[in-house]
N, C-alpha and C. Protein backbone atom coordinates (compact mmCIF):
# COMPACT_ATOMS: atom_id res chain seq x y z
N MET A 1 0.76 -1.20 0.18
CA MET A 1 -0.11 -0.16 -0.28
C MET A 1 1.22 1.56 0.29
N LEU A 2 0.30 2.33 -0.30
CA LEU A 2 1.31 3.45 -0.79
C LEU A 2 1.27 3.98 0.14
N SER A 3 1.96 5.13 0.63
CA SER A 3 1.62 5.99 1.89
C SER A 3 0.76 7.37 0.90
N CYS A 4 0.82 8.15 1.84
CA CYS A 4 -0.13 9.35 1.29
C CYS A 4 1.01 10.66 0.79
N VAL A 5 2.31 10.58 0.92
CA VAL A 5 3.51 11.46 0.15
C VAL A 5 3.94 10.45 -1.14
N GLN A 6 3.66 9.11 -1.20
CA GLN A 6 3.93 8.45 -1.84
C GLN A 6 2.82 8.91 -3.77
N ARG A 7 1.93 8.47 -3.06
CA ARG A 7 0.62 8.73 -4.24
C ARG A 7 0.23 10.32 -4.50
N ALA A 8 0.95 11.06 -3.21
CA ALA A 8 0.44 12.85 -4.11
C ALA A 8 2.30 12.89 -4.51
N PHE A 9 3.00 12.31 -5.17
CA PHE A 9 4.24 12.38 -6.28
C PHE A 9 3.55 11.73 -7.17
N LEU A 10 3.00 10.27 -7.13
CA LEU A 10 3.65 9.83 -8.73
C LEU A 10 1.02 10.39 -9.39
N SER A 11 0.40 11.23 -8.66
CA SER A 11 -0.79 11.48 -9.08
C SER A 11 -0.12 12.47 -9.47
N ASP A 12 -0.10 13.39 -9.70
CA ASP A 12 0.47 14.51 -10.59
C ASP A 12 1.89 14.31 -11.19
N SER A 13 2.78 13.48 -11.27
CA SER A 13 3.82 13.70 -11.65
C SER A 13 4.13 13.16 -13.40
N SER A 14 4.85 13.81 -13.74
CA SER A 14 5.68 14.13 -14.99
C SER A 14 7.29 12.93 -14.93
N ALA A 15 7.55 12.11 -16.15
CA ALA A 15 8.41 11.94 -16.92
C ALA A 15 9.50 12.67 -16.66
N TYR A 16 10.70 13.51 -16.10
CA TYR A 16 11.89 14.17 -16.56
C TYR A 16 13.22 12.46 -17.42
N VAL A 17 14.30 13.90 -17.93
CA VAL A 17 14.71 12.75 -18.51
C VAL A 17 16.04 13.00 -17.72
N VAL A 18 17.13 12.33 -17.20
CA VAL A 18 18.06 12.46 -15.75
C VAL A 18 19.29 11.57 -16.51
N THR A 19 20.73 11.98 -16.79
CA THR A 19 21.41 11.85 -17.16
C THR A 19 22.41 11.89 -15.88
N ARG A 20 22.95 10.75 -15.50
CA ARG A 20 23.84 10.13 -14.66
C ARG A 20 25.62 9.93 -15.31
N SER A 21 26.63 10.46 -14.82
CA SER A 21 27.67 9.67 -15.30
C SER A 21 28.69 9.10 -14.06
N ALA A 22 29.21 7.74 -14.66
CA ALA A 22 29.64 6.89 -13.73
C ALA A 22 31.27 7.90 -13.33
N ALA A 23 31.61 7.24 -11.85
CA ALA A 23 32.91 8.45 -11.40
C ALA A 23 34.67 8.14 -12.57
N GLY A 24 34.95 8.76 -13.11
CA GLY A 24 35.54 9.72 -13.37
C GLY A 24 37.01 9.06 -12.80
N HIS A 25 37.74 9.39 -13.60
CA HIS A 25 39.16 8.82 -12.93
C HIS A 25 40.54 10.08 -14.21
N TYR A 26 41.92 9.56 -12.93
CA TYR A 26 42.86 10.19 -13.96
C TYR A 26 43.76 9.39 -14.38
N GLU A 27 44.22 9.56 -15.91
CA GLU A 27 45.65 8.45 -16.69
C GLU A 27 46.05 8.88 -17.21
N ASN A 28 47.42 8.72 -16.95
CA ASN A 28 48.30 9.45 -17.73
C ASN A 28 48.26 10.83 -17.02
N GLY A 29 47.70 11.30 -16.36
CA GLY A 29 47.94 12.60 -16.16
C GLY A 29 46.73 13.33 -16.22
N ARG A 30 45.70 12.81 -17.55
CA ARG A 30 44.43 13.71 -17.38
C ARG A 30 43.57 13.33 -16.74
N TRP A 31 42.16 14.10 -16.53
CA TRP A 31 41.31 13.33 -16.21
C TRP A 31 40.24 13.36 -17.26
N GLU A 32 39.75 11.62 -17.15
CA GLU A 32 38.93 10.78 -17.88
C GLU A 32 37.57 10.57 -17.06
N ALA A 33 35.98 11.64 -17.41
CA ALA A 33 35.17 11.51 -17.15
C ALA A 33 34.42 10.11 -17.35
N GLY A 34 33.81 9.63 -16.58
CA GLY A 34 33.25 8.39 -16.54
C GLY A 34 31.81 8.66 -17.87
N THR A 35 31.63 7.05 -17.88
CA THR A 35 30.84 7.51 -19.05
C THR A 35 29.18 8.06 -18.71
N THR A 36 28.22 8.07 -19.59
CA THR A 36 27.13 8.54 -19.15
C THR A 36 25.84 7.57 -19.46
N SER A 37 24.91 7.36 -18.73
CA SER A 37 23.55 6.99 -18.88
C SER A 37 22.29 7.98 -18.60
N THR A 38 21.18 7.63 -19.56
CA THR A 38 20.01 8.15 -19.39
C THR A 38 18.98 7.46 -18.51
N LEU A 39 17.82 7.61 -17.46
CA LEU A 39 17.19 7.65 -17.01
C LEU A 39 15.90 8.82 -17.12
N SER A 40 14.96 7.56 -16.78
CA SER A 40 13.59 8.62 -17.19
C SER A 40 12.86 8.12 -15.64
N VAL A 41 12.69 9.38 -15.18
CA VAL A 41 12.52 9.90 -13.59
C VAL A 41 10.37 10.44 -14.07
N ASP A 42 9.95 9.54 -12.99
CA ASP A 42 8.53 10.13 -12.82
C ASP A 42 8.61 11.02 -11.17
N GLY A 43 8.18 12.40 -11.46
CA GLY A 43 8.29 13.35 -10.04
C GLY A 43 7.54 14.46 -10.10
N VAL A 44 7.38 15.38 -9.32
CA VAL A 44 6.58 16.34 -9.11
C VAL A 44 7.45 17.40 -8.79
N LEU A 45 7.76 18.25 -10.51
CA LEU A 45 8.46 19.66 -10.39
C LEU A 45 7.43 20.99 -9.83
N GLN A 46 8.06 21.65 -8.71
CA GLN A 46 7.65 22.94 -8.48
C GLN A 46 9.04 23.81 -8.52
N PRO A 47 7.94 24.85 -8.46
CA PRO A 47 9.06 26.45 -8.86
C PRO A 47 9.38 26.98 -7.27
N MET A 48 11.23 27.28 -7.30
CA MET A 48 11.20 27.71 -6.04
C MET A 48 11.56 28.99 -5.73
N THR A 49 9.57 30.07 -5.28
CA THR A 49 9.72 30.55 -5.19
C THR A 49 9.92 31.73 -3.94
N ASN A 50 10.48 31.23 -3.00
CA ASN A 50 10.77 31.63 -1.33
C ASN A 50 12.76 32.26 -1.73
N PRO A 51 12.71 33.41 -2.38
CA PRO A 51 14.51 34.02 -2.25
C PRO A 51 15.15 33.58 -1.12
N ALA A 52 14.37 33.42 0.38
CA ALA A 52 15.52 32.54 0.86
C ALA A 52 16.03 31.19 0.63
N GLU A 53 15.35 30.29 0.67
CA GLU A 53 15.07 28.82 -0.08
C GLU A 53 17.14 28.88 -1.36
N ILE A 54 16.41 29.87 -2.24
CA ILE A 54 17.76 29.87 -3.27
C ILE A 54 19.02 30.61 -2.12
N LEU A 55 18.90 31.27 -1.68
CA LEU A 55 20.37 32.10 -0.64
C LEU A 55 20.46 31.02 0.29
N ARG A 56 20.15 30.01 0.83
CA ARG A 56 20.74 28.79 1.12
C ARG A 56 21.35 27.84 0.03
N LEU A 57 21.51 28.23 -0.52
CA LEU A 57 22.33 27.14 -1.68
C LEU A 57 24.00 27.70 -1.62
N GLU A 58 24.79 26.19 -1.93
CA GLU A 58 25.88 26.89 -1.60
C GLU A 58 26.57 27.97 -2.56
N ASP A 59 25.61 28.16 -3.44
CA ASP A 59 26.55 29.09 -4.95
C ASP A 59 25.90 29.76 -4.98
N ALA A 60 24.74 30.42 -4.62
CA ALA A 60 23.42 31.27 -4.70
C ALA A 60 23.18 31.95 -5.74
N ARG A 61 24.61 33.01 -5.61
CA ARG A 61 24.73 34.35 -6.79
C ARG A 61 25.30 33.15 -8.27
N HIS A 62 25.49 32.53 -8.42
CA HIS A 62 25.16 31.82 -9.70
C HIS A 62 24.42 31.28 -10.39
N VAL A 63 23.58 30.96 -9.38
CA VAL A 63 22.48 29.95 -9.97
C VAL A 63 21.11 31.05 -10.83
N LYS A 64 20.94 30.37 -12.48
CA LYS A 64 20.14 31.46 -12.70
C LYS A 64 18.85 30.74 -12.31
N ALA A 65 18.44 29.61 -12.05
CA ALA A 65 16.97 29.33 -11.49
C ALA A 65 17.09 28.29 -11.14
N ALA A 66 15.95 27.69 -10.33
CA ALA A 66 15.70 26.51 -9.02
C ALA A 66 14.71 25.82 -8.93
N PHE A 67 14.64 24.96 -8.82
CA PHE A 67 13.43 23.65 -8.71
C PHE A 67 13.26 22.91 -7.89
N LYS A 68 12.28 22.93 -6.98
CA LYS A 68 12.26 21.66 -6.42
C LYS A 68 11.57 20.45 -6.85
N PHE A 69 11.72 19.17 -6.80
CA PHE A 69 11.26 18.08 -7.56
C PHE A 69 11.20 16.75 -6.35
N TYR A 70 9.96 16.65 -6.65
CA TYR A 70 9.69 15.59 -5.12
C TYR A 70 9.52 14.53 -5.72
N THR A 71 10.53 13.22 -5.76
CA THR A 71 10.48 11.74 -6.68
C THR A 71 10.48 10.71 -5.41
N LEU A 72 9.60 9.36 -6.25
CA LEU A 72 10.72 8.05 -5.36
C LEU A 72 11.73 7.67 -6.10
N THR A 73 12.65 8.32 -6.60
CA THR A 73 13.65 7.98 -7.36
C THR A 73 15.11 8.20 -6.65
N GLU A 74 15.89 8.07 -5.82
CA GLU A 74 17.31 8.61 -5.57
C GLU A 74 18.16 9.07 -6.65
N LEU A 75 17.87 10.76 -6.30
CA LEU A 75 19.09 10.95 -7.51
C LEU A 75 20.42 11.87 -6.81
N ARG A 76 21.73 11.67 -7.21
CA ARG A 76 22.59 11.84 -6.40
C ARG A 76 23.22 13.10 -6.81
N ILE A 77 23.69 13.57 -5.81
CA ILE A 77 24.75 15.06 -5.89
C ILE A 77 25.87 14.76 -6.79
N VAL A 78 27.04 16.06 -6.52
CA VAL A 78 27.96 15.37 -6.81
C VAL A 78 29.26 14.77 -5.48
N SER A 79 30.58 13.61 -5.81
CA SER A 79 30.61 12.97 -4.49
C SER A 79 31.27 14.17 -4.25
N PRO A 80 31.60 13.24 -2.90
CA PRO A 80 33.05 14.87 -1.82
C PRO A 80 34.51 15.03 -2.51
N ASP A 81 34.40 13.72 -3.30
CA ASP A 81 35.75 13.16 -3.87
C ASP A 81 35.51 14.34 -5.22
N GLU A 82 34.77 14.54 -5.55
CA GLU A 82 34.03 14.92 -7.10
C GLU A 82 34.55 13.76 -8.19
N SER A 83 35.04 12.88 -7.77
CA SER A 83 35.37 11.96 -8.82
C SER A 83 33.66 12.03 -9.80
N THR A 84 32.74 12.48 -8.79
CA THR A 84 31.16 11.83 -9.29
C THR A 84 30.79 13.04 -10.03
N GLN A 85 30.08 13.19 -10.61
CA GLN A 85 29.25 14.28 -10.75
C GLN A 85 27.96 14.48 -10.76
N PRO A 86 27.39 15.10 -10.46
CA PRO A 86 25.86 15.51 -9.83
C PRO A 86 25.13 14.31 -11.08
N ASP A 87 23.86 14.02 -10.86
CA ASP A 87 23.13 13.95 -11.73
C ASP A 87 22.26 15.27 -12.57
N VAL A 88 21.89 15.20 -13.70
CA VAL A 88 21.70 16.33 -14.55
C VAL A 88 20.34 15.96 -15.43
N MET A 89 19.54 16.91 -14.70
CA MET A 89 18.07 16.94 -15.09
C MET A 89 17.28 18.20 -16.16
N THR A 90 16.92 17.30 -17.19
CA THR A 90 16.67 18.73 -18.34
C THR A 90 15.04 18.60 -17.82
N ILE A 91 14.87 20.31 -17.73
CA ILE A 91 13.40 20.42 -18.32
C ILE A 91 13.49 21.49 -19.28
N SER A 92 12.10 21.34 -19.69
CA SER A 92 11.52 22.44 -21.07
C SER A 92 13.05 22.40 -21.83
N GLY A 93 14.18 21.86 -22.29
CA GLY A 93 14.69 21.29 -22.78
C GLY A 93 17.05 21.62 -22.48
N ASP A 94 16.51 22.86 -21.11
CA ASP A 94 17.45 23.39 -20.62
C ASP A 94 18.10 22.16 -19.39
N GLU A 95 19.50 22.40 -19.46
CA GLU A 95 19.87 21.39 -18.02
C GLU A 95 19.80 21.90 -17.07
N TYR A 96 19.44 21.25 -15.60
CA TYR A 96 19.31 21.39 -14.53
C TYR A 96 20.35 20.09 -13.52
N GLU A 97 21.44 20.82 -13.01
CA GLU A 97 21.77 19.77 -12.03
C GLU A 97 21.70 19.96 -10.85
N VAL A 98 21.71 18.12 -10.20
CA VAL A 98 20.96 18.43 -8.65
C VAL A 98 22.05 18.50 -7.91
N GLU A 99 21.93 19.86 -6.94
CA GLU A 99 22.18 20.56 -6.31
C GLU A 99 22.30 18.87 -5.11
N GLY A 100 21.18 19.10 -4.67
CA GLY A 100 20.68 18.76 -2.69
C GLY A 100 19.69 18.30 -3.01
N VAL A 101 19.60 16.39 -1.79
CA VAL A 101 18.62 15.45 -2.11
C VAL A 101 18.23 15.38 -0.35
N SER A 102 17.08 15.13 -0.94
CA SER A 102 16.34 15.36 1.04
C SER A 102 15.39 13.97 1.52
N ASP A 103 15.54 13.12 2.24
CA ASP A 103 16.01 11.79 1.93
C ASP A 103 14.19 11.88 2.88
N TRP A 104 13.25 11.46 2.62
CA TRP A 104 11.66 11.87 2.79
C TRP A 104 11.22 10.69 3.47
N SER A 105 11.76 9.79 4.20
CA SER A 105 12.02 8.01 4.46
C SER A 105 11.04 8.23 6.02
N GLU A 106 11.05 9.39 7.06
CA GLU A 106 10.22 9.32 7.91
C GLU A 106 8.88 9.97 7.52
N HIS A 107 8.56 10.48 6.06
CA HIS A 107 7.03 11.15 6.38
C HIS A 107 6.70 10.65 5.15
N GLY A 108 6.90 9.10 4.72
CA GLY A 108 5.86 8.58 3.85
C GLY A 108 6.66 8.13 2.51
N GLY A 109 7.96 8.48 2.75
CA GLY A 109 8.50 8.04 1.52
C GLY A 109 9.14 9.65 0.64
N GLY A 110 10.01 8.63 -0.48
CA GLY A 110 10.37 9.76 -1.62
C GLY A 110 11.38 10.91 -1.05
N TYR A 111 12.05 11.68 -2.23
CA TYR A 111 12.99 12.41 -1.97
C TYR A 111 12.59 13.72 -2.41
N LYS A 112 13.27 15.26 -1.67
CA LYS A 112 12.49 16.32 -2.53
C LYS A 112 14.17 16.57 -2.36
N VAL A 113 14.49 16.97 -4.03
CA VAL A 113 15.40 17.48 -4.68
C VAL A 113 15.21 18.94 -5.32
N ILE A 114 16.46 19.77 -4.71
CA ILE A 114 16.65 20.05 -5.58
C ILE A 114 17.66 21.15 -6.75
N VAL A 115 17.21 21.10 -7.98
CA VAL A 115 18.39 21.18 -9.17
C VAL A 115 18.34 22.66 -9.31
N VAL A 116 19.52 22.95 -9.81
CA VAL A 116 19.79 24.12 -10.45
C VAL A 116 20.23 24.19 -11.68
N ARG A 117 20.10 25.98 -12.10
CA ARG A 117 21.09 25.78 -13.49
C ARG A 117 21.40 26.71 -13.27
N ARG A 118 23.06 27.45 -13.37
CA ARG A 118 23.98 28.05 -13.62
C ARG A 118 24.09 28.86 -14.18
N GLU A 119 24.53 30.59 -14.21
CA GLU A 119 25.22 30.99 -14.56
C GLU A 119 26.44 30.88 -15.77
N SER A 120 26.38 30.67 -17.06
CA SER A 120 28.14 30.73 -17.12
C SER A 120 28.81 31.44 -16.83
N GLN A 121 30.22 30.85 -16.66
CA GLN A 121 31.03 31.74 -15.91
C GLN A 121 31.79 31.70 -17.03
N ALA A 122 33.18 33.05 -16.49
CA ALA A 122 34.09 32.85 -18.03
C ALA A 122 35.31 32.12 -17.39
N HIS A 123 35.71 31.58 -16.49
CA HIS A 123 36.67 30.03 -15.97
C HIS A 123 35.46 28.94 -16.68
N ASP A 124 34.80 29.05 -17.42
CA ASP A 124 33.66 27.86 -17.71
C ASP A 124 33.84 27.76 -19.21
N ALA A 125 34.16 28.73 -20.15
CA ALA A 125 34.12 29.00 -21.46
C ALA A 125 35.27 28.12 -21.99
N GLY A 126 35.50 27.54 -22.33
CA GLY A 126 37.02 27.51 -22.56
C GLY A 126 37.63 25.50 -22.45
């Protein structure tokens, strides 16, 4: 039997494409990115309308847009050693990185995921 949280996640959910990268490694002193795979993830997307929520993000000044995404699928953030990149979710043709994941198992299951689209920085183009 599904919990009320799980039923809410599934009743109004849509499918989104998520790109996941395997761990990368150094080979002969050069970084080799891991292979990527895609998966379809069902969930409910909502805008972050509270400015305080966006300001709590680690690098809020470089965030162009952010959403909350409620899903039953656990998504990944960047690993502490940065060998594994965060999952990337496609929303209306734009790519959003998974910035944070909250486990809602104590509230009936599922995850609250924060996804962000960052502004391009001069040091990123190259």
